[in-house]
Amino acid sequence: MEQHNQHEQHKIPYYVSVQAMQVLADPKAASYELEIIASELEVMQLKELFDEMYHMDTGLTGHSMLRPLEATPNAELMADHDYIIKKIYSKLYELGTDETRQHIETMNIL
C-alpha cells in the first residue's frame, strides 16, 4: 500500500488537448489547451475518460449514419456524451493549474 501512496504523490506537469483527446508529457509534442499537475494514475484515469468520450463520439456518428433521417441523435446518447464531457472537465479542474481552473470556469461547463 505504501508503494501506491508514493506513486500517487509523484505529480508532474502534463499538457492536455481535449479536442485531440491527448495527455502529453512534452508541451512541444503537439498543441494543447490545458495544463495539469498529475500522477501517472490520474493521467490513466483521464485517458480512460477520453476513451469513453471516443466511444461515445463513435456511437453518435454511427447513430447518425444508421438513421440519416433523424435530424439529431437520440437524446439519451447526447445526455451520456454531455455527462462524459463534464466528468473530463471536472477531472481537469481538479488537477489543473490555476490558469487551467480559471479557463474552465469561464467555459461554464461544470
Protein backbone atom coordinates (compact mmCIF):
# COMPACT_ATOMS: atom_id res chain seq x y z
CA MET A 1 0.00 0.00 0.00
CA GLU A 2 2.87 2.37 0.76
CA GLN A 3 4.21 1.98 -2.79
CA HIS A 4 0.80 3.02 -4.18
CA ASN A 5 0.86 6.16 -1.99
CA GLN A 6 4.38 7.06 -3.17
CA HIS A 7 3.30 6.55 -6.77
CA GLU A 8 0.24 8.73 -6.20
CA GLN A 9 2.28 11.56 -4.67
CA HIS A 10 4.70 11.93 -7.59
CA LYS A 11 2.96 14.54 -9.71
CA ILE A 12 4.39 16.28 -12.74
CA PRO A 13 3.03 18.69 -15.37
CA TYR A 14 1.08 17.28 -18.30
CA TYR A 15 -0.41 19.09 -21.24
CA VAL A 16 -3.93 18.22 -22.34
CA SER A 17 -5.78 18.60 -25.59
CA VAL A 18 -9.44 17.80 -25.03
CA GLN A 19 -10.13 18.28 -28.73
CA ALA A 20 -7.46 15.71 -29.70
CA MET A 21 -8.14 13.61 -26.58
CA GLN A 22 -4.44 13.61 -25.68
CA VAL A 23 -2.42 13.88 -22.50
CA LEU A 24 1.18 14.83 -23.25
CA ALA A 25 4.29 14.93 -21.09
CA ASP A 26 6.09 17.18 -23.61
CA PRO A 27 4.41 20.53 -24.30
CA LYS A 28 6.21 20.74 -27.65
CA ALA A 29 4.92 17.35 -28.88
CA ALA A 30 1.59 18.76 -30.08
CA SER A 31 -0.75 21.65 -29.44
CA TYR A 32 -2.65 21.58 -26.17
CA GLU A 33 -5.27 23.67 -24.41
CA LEU A 34 -4.76 22.98 -20.71
CA GLU A 35 -2.01 22.20 -18.22
CA ILE A 36 -2.46 19.86 -15.28
CA ILE A 37 -0.28 18.54 -12.47
CA ALA A 38 -0.96 14.83 -12.11
CA SER A 39 0.33 11.43 -11.07
CA GLU A 40 0.56 8.55 -13.54
CA LEU A 41 -2.58 7.06 -12.01
CA GLU A 42 -4.52 10.30 -12.50
CA VAL A 43 -3.33 10.52 -16.11
CA MET A 44 -4.53 6.94 -16.68
CA GLN A 45 -7.94 7.90 -15.24
CA LEU A 46 -8.12 10.89 -17.57
CA LYS A 47 -7.17 8.75 -20.57
CA GLU A 48 -9.95 6.30 -19.63
CA LEU A 49 -12.40 9.20 -19.72
CA PHE A 50 -11.08 10.17 -23.16
CA ASP A 51 -11.61 6.56 -24.27
CA GLU A 52 -15.21 6.76 -23.04
CA MET A 53 -15.68 10.00 -24.96
CA TYR A 54 -14.15 8.48 -28.10
CA HIS A 55 -16.51 5.52 -27.94
CA MET A 56 -19.42 7.85 -27.25
CA ASP A 57 -18.47 10.02 -30.27
CA THR A 58 -18.18 6.88 -32.40
CA GLY A 59 -21.63 5.85 -31.21
CA LEU A 60 -23.09 9.24 -32.09
CA THR A 61 -21.53 9.10 -35.56
CA GLY A 62 -22.73 5.55 -36.09
CA HIS A 63 -26.21 6.52 -34.95
CA SER A 64 -26.45 9.35 -37.50
CA MET A 65 -25.13 7.10 -40.28
CA LEU A 66 -27.62 4.34 -39.46
CA ARG A 67 -30.52 6.76 -39.05
CA PRO A 68 -29.82 9.60 -41.51
CA LEU A 69 -33.43 10.83 -41.49
CA GLU A 70 -33.26 11.71 -37.81
CA ALA A 71 -32.12 15.30 -37.52
CA THR A 72 -30.46 14.82 -34.12
CA PRO A 73 -29.07 11.83 -32.27
CA ASN A 74 -31.05 10.16 -29.55
CA ALA A 75 -31.43 12.45 -26.51
CA GLU A 76 -30.11 9.69 -24.26
CA LEU A 77 -26.89 9.45 -26.33
CA MET A 78 -26.44 13.21 -26.12
CA ALA A 79 -27.03 13.21 -22.36
CA ASP A 80 -24.41 10.47 -21.92
CA HIS A 81 -21.98 12.44 -24.08
CA ASP A 82 -22.54 15.60 -22.01
CA TYR A 83 -22.02 13.58 -18.83
CA ILE A 84 -18.64 12.27 -20.05
CA ILE A 85 -17.52 15.76 -21.08
CA LYS A 86 -18.45 17.10 -17.63
CA LYS A 87 -16.51 14.24 -16.00
CA ILE A 88 -13.46 15.10 -18.12
CA TYR A 89 -13.60 18.79 -17.29
CA SER A 90 -14.21 18.02 -13.60
CA LYS A 91 -11.05 15.90 -13.58
CA LEU A 92 -9.13 18.60 -15.45
CA TYR A 93 -10.36 21.21 -12.97
CA GLU A 94 -9.31 19.00 -10.05
CA LEU A 95 -5.81 18.51 -11.49
CA GLY A 96 -5.43 21.83 -13.26
CA THR A 97 -3.09 24.71 -12.64
CA ASP A 98 -4.65 28.00 -11.52
CA GLU A 99 -4.72 29.14 -15.16
CA THR A 100 -6.45 25.92 -16.24
CA ARG A 101 -9.05 26.26 -13.50
CA GLN A 102 -9.75 29.86 -14.45
CA HIS A 103 -10.16 28.85 -18.10
CA ILE A 104 -12.58 26.03 -17.22
CA GLU A 105 -14.58 28.43 -15.01
CA THR A 106 -15.02 30.79 -17.98
CA MET A 107 -16.42 27.91 -20.03
CA ASN A 108 -19.39 27.46 -17.63
CA ILE A 109 -19.28 23.71 -18.29
CA LEU A 110 -19.27 22.48 -14.68
